[in-house]
Amino acid sequence: MTDDQSLRLLLRSALPPMTDLGPARDLWPSIVHRRPVPSGWPWLDLAVVAAVALGLALFPDWLWLLAYHL
């Protein structure tokens, strides 16, 4: 018997065969019943958009700087 065959037999005797390969329960209902995400924009996002719009209205040359960083 070669070393590979003895190693294979040793591993098969040490580890039980895997019979159930699927999840223990269905995970989709727990995903569906999660707390829904509130619709709309958070106030911080709106404040950033307003600040960028105001900045571009006051300084239109900054559009190139903003476009460069995006």
PDB file of N, CA and C in Angstrom:
ATOM      1  N   MET A   1       0.853  -1.174   0.000  1.00  0.00           N
ATOM      2  CA  MET A   1       0.000   0.000   0.000  1.00  0.00           C
ATOM      3  C   MET A   1       0.899   1.238   0.000  1.00  0.00           C
ATOM      4  N   THR A   2       0.554   2.208  -0.859  1.00  0.00           N
ATOM      5  CA  THR A   2       1.360   3.427  -0.946  1.00  0.00           C
ATOM      6  C   THR A   2       0.939   4.403   0.149  1.00  0.00           C
ATOM      7  N   ASP A   3       1.713   5.443   0.275  1.00  0.00           N
ATOM      8  CA  ASP A   3       1.425   6.447   1.298  1.00  0.00           C
ATOM      9  C   ASP A   3       0.123   7.178   1.010  1.00  0.00           C
ATOM     10  N   ASP A   4      -0.161   7.408  -0.268  1.00  0.00           N
ATOM     11  CA  ASP A   4      -1.403   8.098  -0.619  1.00  0.00           C
ATOM     12  C   ASP A   4      -2.622   7.264  -0.248  1.00  0.00           C
ATOM     13  N   GLN A   5      -2.564   5.985  -0.492  1.00  0.00           N
ATOM     14  CA  GLN A   5      -3.701   5.129  -0.161  1.00  0.00           C
ATOM     15  C   GLN A   5      -3.901   5.012   1.340  1.00  0.00           C
ATOM     16  N   SER A   6      -2.834   4.908   2.079  1.00  0.00           N
ATOM     17  CA  SER A   6      -2.975   4.829   3.535  1.00  0.00           C
ATOM     18  C   SER A   6      -3.486   6.139   4.125  1.00  0.00           C
ATOM     19  N   LEU A   7      -3.042   7.244   3.555  1.00  0.00           N
ATOM     20  CA  LEU A   7      -3.544   8.547   4.005  1.00  0.00           C
ATOM     21  C   LEU A   7      -5.038   8.676   3.698  1.00  0.00           C
ATOM     22  N   ARG A   8      -5.451   8.232   2.529  1.00  0.00           N
ATOM     23  CA  ARG A   8      -6.865   8.279   2.152  1.00  0.00           C
ATOM     24  C   ARG A   8      -7.702   7.419   3.106  1.00  0.00           C
ATOM     25  N   LEU A   9      -7.239   6.242   3.425  1.00  0.00           N
ATOM     26  CA  LEU A   9      -7.971   5.370   4.359  1.00  0.00           C
ATOM     27  C   LEU A   9      -8.013   5.967   5.758  1.00  0.00           C
ATOM     28  N   LEU A  10      -6.921   6.573   6.183  1.00  0.00           N
ATOM     29  CA  LEU A  10      -6.874   7.207   7.501  1.00  0.00           C
ATOM     30  C   LEU A  10      -7.843   8.379   7.579  1.00  0.00           C
ATOM     31  N   LEU A  11      -7.906   9.202   6.532  1.00  0.00           N
ATOM     32  CA  LEU A  11      -8.836  10.317   6.524  1.00  0.00           C
ATOM     33  C   LEU A  11     -10.286   9.850   6.486  1.00  0.00           C
ATOM     34  N   ARG A  12     -10.574   8.821   5.724  1.00  0.00           N
ATOM     35  CA  ARG A  12     -11.944   8.305   5.668  1.00  0.00           C
ATOM     36  C   ARG A  12     -12.372   7.699   6.999  1.00  0.00           C
ATOM     37  N   SER A  13     -11.461   7.129   7.731  1.00  0.00           N
ATOM     38  CA  SER A  13     -11.831   6.572   9.034  1.00  0.00           C
ATOM     39  C   SER A  13     -11.960   7.659  10.099  1.00  0.00           C
ATOM     40  N   ALA A  14     -11.240   8.778   9.950  1.00  0.00           N
ATOM     41  CA  ALA A  14     -11.275   9.841  10.949  1.00  0.00           C
ATOM     42  C   ALA A  14     -12.464  10.765  10.759  1.00  0.00           C
ATOM     43  N   LEU A  15     -12.853  11.026   9.509  1.00  0.00           N
ATOM     44  CA  LEU A  15     -13.933  11.954   9.230  1.00  0.00           C
ATOM     45  C   LEU A  15     -15.169  11.189   8.777  1.00  0.00           C
ATOM     46  N   PRO A  16     -16.311  11.430   9.417  1.00  0.00           N
ATOM     47  CA  PRO A  16     -17.521  10.740   8.978  1.00  0.00           C
ATOM     48  C   PRO A  16     -17.976  11.292   7.626  1.00  0.00           C
ATOM     49  N   PRO A  17     -18.656  10.468   6.841  1.00  0.00           N
ATOM     50  CA  PRO A  17     -19.123  10.968   5.543  1.00  0.00           C
ATOM     51  C   PRO A  17     -20.203  12.026   5.722  1.00  0.00           C
ATOM     52  N   MET A  18     -20.199  12.999   4.850  1.00  0.00           N
ATOM     53  CA  MET A  18     -21.188  14.075   4.916  1.00  0.00           C
ATOM     54  C   MET A  18     -22.417  13.640   4.136  1.00  0.00           C
ATOM     55  N   THR A  19     -23.544  13.568   4.836  1.00  0.00           N
ATOM     56  CA  THR A  19     -24.771  13.139   4.170  1.00  0.00           C
ATOM     57  C   THR A  19     -25.679  14.320   3.863  1.00  0.00           C
ATOM     58  N   ASP A  20     -25.816  15.259   4.793  1.00  0.00           N
ATOM     59  CA  ASP A  20     -26.707  16.399   4.597  1.00  0.00           C
ATOM     60  C   ASP A  20     -25.878  17.615   4.202  1.00  0.00           C
ATOM     61  N   LEU A  21     -25.940  17.983   2.939  1.00  0.00           N
ATOM     62  CA  LEU A  21     -25.128  19.095   2.451  1.00  0.00           C
ATOM     63  C   LEU A  21     -25.892  20.407   2.398  1.00  0.00           C
ATOM     64  N   GLY A  22     -27.201  20.404   2.613  1.00  0.00           N
ATOM     65  CA  GLY A  22     -28.002  21.619   2.550  1.00  0.00           C
ATOM     66  C   GLY A  22     -28.062  22.317   3.895  1.00  0.00           C
ATOM     67  N   PRO A  23     -28.638  23.514   3.932  1.00  0.00           N
ATOM     68  CA  PRO A  23     -28.774  24.225   5.203  1.00  0.00           C
ATOM     69  C   PRO A  23     -29.781  23.524   6.105  1.00  0.00           C
ATOM     70  N   ALA A  24     -29.663  23.760   7.402  1.00  0.00           N
ATOM     71  CA  ALA A  24     -30.537  23.096   8.370  1.00  0.00           C
ATOM     72  C   ALA A  24     -31.968  23.623   8.278  1.00  0.00           C
ATOM     73  N   ARG A  25     -32.145  24.865   7.869  1.00  0.00           N
ATOM     74  CA  ARG A  25     -33.493  25.435   7.733  1.00  0.00           C
ATOM     75  C   ARG A  25     -33.488  26.409   6.568  1.00  0.00           C
ATOM     76  N   ASP A  26     -34.682  26.808   6.155  1.00  0.00           N
ATOM     77  CA  ASP A  26     -34.812  27.744   5.045  1.00  0.00           C
ATOM     78  C   ASP A  26     -34.502  29.149   5.549  1.00  0.00           C
ATOM     79  N   LEU A  27     -33.587  29.827   4.903  1.00  0.00           N
ATOM     80  CA  LEU A  27     -33.144  31.143   5.354  1.00  0.00           C
ATOM     81  C   LEU A  27     -33.933  32.285   4.730  1.00  0.00           C
ATOM     82  N   TRP A  28     -34.705  32.027   3.682  1.00  0.00           N
ATOM     83  CA  TRP A  28     -35.397  33.104   3.002  1.00  0.00           C
ATOM     84  C   TRP A  28     -36.449  33.795   3.874  1.00  0.00           C
ATOM     85  N   PRO A  29     -37.272  33.095   4.665  1.00  0.00           N
ATOM     86  CA  PRO A  29     -38.257  33.803   5.498  1.00  0.00           C
ATOM     87  C   PRO A  29     -37.617  34.779   6.492  1.00  0.00           C
ATOM     88  N   SER A  30     -36.471  34.442   7.032  1.00  0.00           N
ATOM     89  CA  SER A  30     -35.826  35.378   7.962  1.00  0.00           C
ATOM     90  C   SER A  30     -35.329  36.625   7.237  1.00  0.00           C
ATOM     91  N   ILE A  31     -34.990  36.502   5.961  1.00  0.00           N
ATOM     92  CA  ILE A  31     -34.570  37.666   5.191  1.00  0.00           C
ATOM     93  C   ILE A  31     -35.774  38.528   4.849  1.00  0.00           C
ATOM     94  N   VAL A  32     -36.892  37.893   4.512  1.00  0.00           N
ATOM     95  CA  VAL A  32     -38.089  38.636   4.132  1.00  0.00           C
ATOM     96  C   VAL A  32     -38.667  39.390   5.320  1.00  0.00           C
ATOM     97  N   HIS A  33     -38.599  38.825   6.514  1.00  0.00           N
ATOM     98  CA  HIS A  33     -39.225  39.434   7.687  1.00  0.00           C
ATOM     99  C   HIS A  33     -38.316  40.406   8.431  1.00  0.00           C
ATOM    100  N   ARG A  34     -37.200  40.765   7.841  1.00  0.00           N
ATOM    101  CA  ARG A  34     -36.348  41.774   8.469  1.00  0.00           C
ATOM    102  C   ARG A  34     -37.041  43.122   8.463  1.00  0.00           C
ATOM    103  N   ARG A  35     -36.547  44.006   9.300  1.00  0.00           N
ATOM    104  CA  ARG A  35     -37.118  45.355   9.349  1.00  0.00           C
ATOM    105  C   ARG A  35     -36.920  46.042   8.017  1.00  0.00           C
ATOM    106  N   PRO A  36     -37.971  46.577   7.433  1.00  0.00           N
ATOM    107  CA  PRO A  36     -37.812  47.219   6.123  1.00  0.00           C
ATOM    108  C   PRO A  36     -36.975  48.495   6.237  1.00  0.00           C
ATOM    109  N   VAL A  37     -36.269  48.777   5.192  1.00  0.00           N
ATOM    110  CA  VAL A  37     -35.441  49.976   5.134  1.00  0.00           C
ATOM    111  C   VAL A  37     -36.357  51.180   4.915  1.00  0.00           C
ATOM    112  N   PRO A  38     -36.202  52.229   5.710  1.00  0.00           N
ATOM    113  CA  PRO A  38     -37.082  53.394   5.516  1.00  0.00           C
ATOM    114  C   PRO A  38     -36.845  54.025   4.149  1.00  0.00           C
ATOM    115  N   SER A  39     -37.935  54.422   3.540  1.00  0.00           N
ATOM    116  CA  SER A  39     -37.807  55.043   2.225  1.00  0.00           C
ATOM    117  C   SER A  39     -37.435  56.515   2.395  1.00  0.00           C
ATOM    118  N   GLY A  40     -36.859  57.057   1.375  1.00  0.00           N
ATOM    119  CA  GLY A  40     -36.453  58.456   1.429  1.00  0.00           C
ATOM    120  C   GLY A  40     -34.962  58.596   1.674  1.00  0.00           C
ATOM    121  N   TRP A  41     -34.538  59.827   1.659  1.00  0.00           N
ATOM    122  CA  TRP A  41     -33.127  60.125   1.828  1.00  0.00           C
ATOM    123  C   TRP A  41     -32.860  60.540   3.267  1.00  0.00           C
ATOM    124  N   PRO A  42     -31.753  60.110   3.857  1.00  0.00           N
ATOM    125  CA  PRO A  42     -31.383  60.594   5.192  1.00  0.00           C
ATOM    126  C   PRO A  42     -31.036  62.085   5.136  1.00  0.00           C
ATOM    127  N   TRP A  43     -31.175  62.753   6.265  1.00  0.00           N
ATOM    128  CA  TRP A  43     -30.968  64.202   6.302  1.00  0.00           C
ATOM    129  C   TRP A  43     -29.529  64.575   5.982  1.00  0.00           C
ATOM    130  N   LEU A  44     -28.575  63.727   6.327  1.00  0.00           N
ATOM    131  CA  LEU A  44     -27.176  64.046   6.050  1.00  0.00           C
ATOM    132  C   LEU A  44     -26.906  64.036   4.545  1.00  0.00           C
ATOM    133  N   ASP A  45     -27.490  63.091   3.834  1.00  0.00           N
ATOM    134  CA  ASP A  45     -27.325  63.057   2.382  1.00  0.00           C
ATOM    135  C   ASP A  45     -27.929  64.293   1.729  1.00  0.00           C
ATOM    136  N   LEU A  46     -29.094  64.687   2.204  1.00  0.00           N
ATOM    137  CA  LEU A  46     -29.719  65.888   1.660  1.00  0.00           C
ATOM    138  C   LEU A  46     -28.888  67.130   1.947  1.00  0.00           C
ATOM    139  N   ALA A  47     -28.276  67.198   3.122  1.00  0.00           N
ATOM    140  CA  ALA A  47     -27.440  68.340   3.470  1.00  0.00           C
ATOM    141  C   ALA A  47     -26.195  68.394   2.575  1.00  0.00           C
ATOM    142  N   VAL A  48     -25.610  67.244   2.276  1.00  0.00           N
ATOM    143  CA  VAL A  48     -24.433  67.224   1.403  1.00  0.00           C
ATOM    144  C   VAL A  48     -24.808  67.645  -0.011  1.00  0.00           C
ATOM    145  N   VAL A  49     -25.937  67.151  -0.512  1.00  0.00           N
ATOM    146  CA  VAL A  49     -26.389  67.542  -1.853  1.00  0.00           C
ATOM    147  C   VAL A  49     -26.670  69.040  -1.908  1.00  0.00           C
ATOM    148  N   ALA A  50     -27.303  69.570  -0.866  1.00  0.00           N
ATOM    149  CA  ALA A  50     -27.591  71.002  -0.834  1.00  0.00           C
ATOM    150  C   ALA A  50     -26.307  71.817  -0.771  1.00  0.00           C
ATOM    151  N   ALA A  51     -25.336  71.371  -0.001  1.00  0.00           N
ATOM    152  CA  ALA A  51     -24.066  72.095   0.104  1.00  0.00           C
ATOM    153  C   ALA A  51     -23.318  72.085  -1.231  1.00  0.00           C
ATOM    154  N   VAL A  52     -23.323  70.950  -1.919  1.00  0.00           N
ATOM    155  CA  VAL A  52     -22.646  70.872  -3.219  1.00  0.00           C
ATOM    156  C   VAL A  52     -23.363  71.747  -4.234  1.00  0.00           C
ATOM    157  N   ALA A  53     -24.706  71.725  -4.228  1.00  0.00           N
ATOM    158  CA  ALA A  53     -25.469  72.558  -5.166  1.00  0.00           C
ATOM    159  C   ALA A  53     -25.233  74.041  -4.893  1.00  0.00           C
ATOM    160  N   LEU A  54     -25.217  74.427  -3.628  1.00  0.00           N
ATOM    161  CA  LEU A  54     -24.963  75.820  -3.279  1.00  0.00           C
ATOM    162  C   LEU A  54     -23.541  76.224  -3.659  1.00  0.00           C
ATOM    163  N   GLY A  55     -22.589  75.336  -3.395  1.00  0.00           N
ATOM    164  CA  GLY A  55     -21.206  75.629  -3.761  1.00  0.00           C
ATOM    165  C   GLY A  55     -21.033  75.798  -5.260  1.00  0.00           C
ATOM    166  N   LEU A  56     -21.712  74.936  -6.037  1.00  0.00           N
ATOM    167  CA  LEU A  56     -21.611  75.068  -7.491  1.00  0.00           C
ATOM    168  C   LEU A  56     -22.347  76.289  -8.007  1.00  0.00           C
ATOM    169  N   ALA A  57     -23.416  76.703  -7.312  1.00  0.00           N
ATOM    170  CA  ALA A  57     -24.132  77.919  -7.730  1.00  0.00           C
ATOM    171  C   ALA A  57     -23.291  79.158  -7.466  1.00  0.00           C
ATOM    172  N   LEU A  58     -22.565  79.162  -6.339  1.00  0.00           N
ATOM    173  CA  LEU A  58     -21.729  80.315  -6.009  1.00  0.00           C
ATOM    174  C   LEU A  58     -20.409  80.316  -6.767  1.00  0.00           C
ATOM    175  N   PHE A  59     -19.845  79.148  -6.976  1.00  0.00           N
ATOM    176  CA  PHE A  59     -18.545  79.026  -7.636  1.00  0.00           C
ATOM    177  C   PHE A  59     -18.644  77.995  -8.768  1.00  0.00           C
ATOM    178  N   PRO A  60     -19.117  78.382  -9.936  1.00  0.00           N
ATOM    179  CA  PRO A  60     -19.302  77.416 -11.035  1.00  0.00           C
ATOM    180  C   PRO A  60     -18.002  76.798 -11.540  1.00  0.00           C
ATOM    181  N   ASP A  61     -16.884  77.456 -11.290  1.00  0.00           N
ATOM    182  CA  ASP A  61     -15.602  76.897 -11.733  1.00  0.00           C
ATOM    183  C   ASP A  61     -15.231  75.636 -10.953  1.00  0.00           C
ATOM    184  N   TRP A  62     -15.847  75.426  -9.820  1.00  0.00           N
ATOM    185  CA  TRP A  62     -15.564  74.241  -9.007  1.00  0.00           C
ATOM    186  C   TRP A  62     -16.143  72.966  -9.603  1.00  0.00           C
ATOM    187  N   LEU A  63     -16.933  73.103 -10.660  1.00  0.00           N
ATOM    188  CA  LEU A  63     -17.506  71.921 -11.294  1.00  0.00           C
ATOM    189  C   LEU A  63     -16.402  71.008 -11.799  1.00  0.00           C
ATOM    190  N   TRP A  64     -15.341  71.571 -12.349  1.00  0.00           N
ATOM    191  CA  TRP A  64     -14.229  70.751 -12.842  1.00  0.00           C
ATOM    192  C   TRP A  64     -13.528  70.048 -11.687  1.00  0.00           C
ATOM    193  N   LEU A  65     -13.401  70.701 -10.563  1.00  0.00           N
ATOM    194  CA  LEU A  65     -12.795  70.064  -9.400  1.00  0.00           C
ATOM    195  C   LEU A  65     -13.663  68.898  -8.893  1.00  0.00           C
ATOM    196  N   LEU A  66     -14.967  69.134  -8.852  1.00  0.00           N
ATOM    197  CA  LEU A  66     -15.876  68.075  -8.424  1.00  0.00           C
ATOM    198  C   LEU A  66     -15.866  66.914  -9.405  1.00  0.00           C
ATOM    199  N   ALA A  67     -15.886  67.204 -10.683  1.00  0.00           N
ATOM    200  CA  ALA A  67     -15.868  66.142 -11.699  1.00  0.00           C
ATOM    201  C   ALA A  67     -14.546  65.352 -11.650  1.00  0.00           C
ATOM    202  N   TYR A  68     -13.460  66.029 -11.336  1.00  0.00           N
ATOM    203  CA  TYR A  68     -12.170  65.353 -11.229  1.00  0.00           C
ATOM    204  C   TYR A  68     -12.162  64.345 -10.076  1.00  0.00           C
ATOM    205  N   HIS A  69     -12.798  64.694  -8.972  1.00  0.00           N
ATOM    206  CA  HIS A  69     -12.779  63.832  -7.797  1.00  0.00           C
ATOM    207  C   HIS A  69     -13.841  62.739  -7.845  1.00  0.00           C
ATOM    208  N   LEU A  70     -14.768  62.839  -8.750  1.00  0.00           N
ATOM    209  CA  LEU A  70     -15.756  61.775  -8.893  1.00  0.00           C
ATOM    210  C   LEU A  70     -15.226  60.755  -9.848  1.00  0.00           C
TER     211      LEU A  70
END
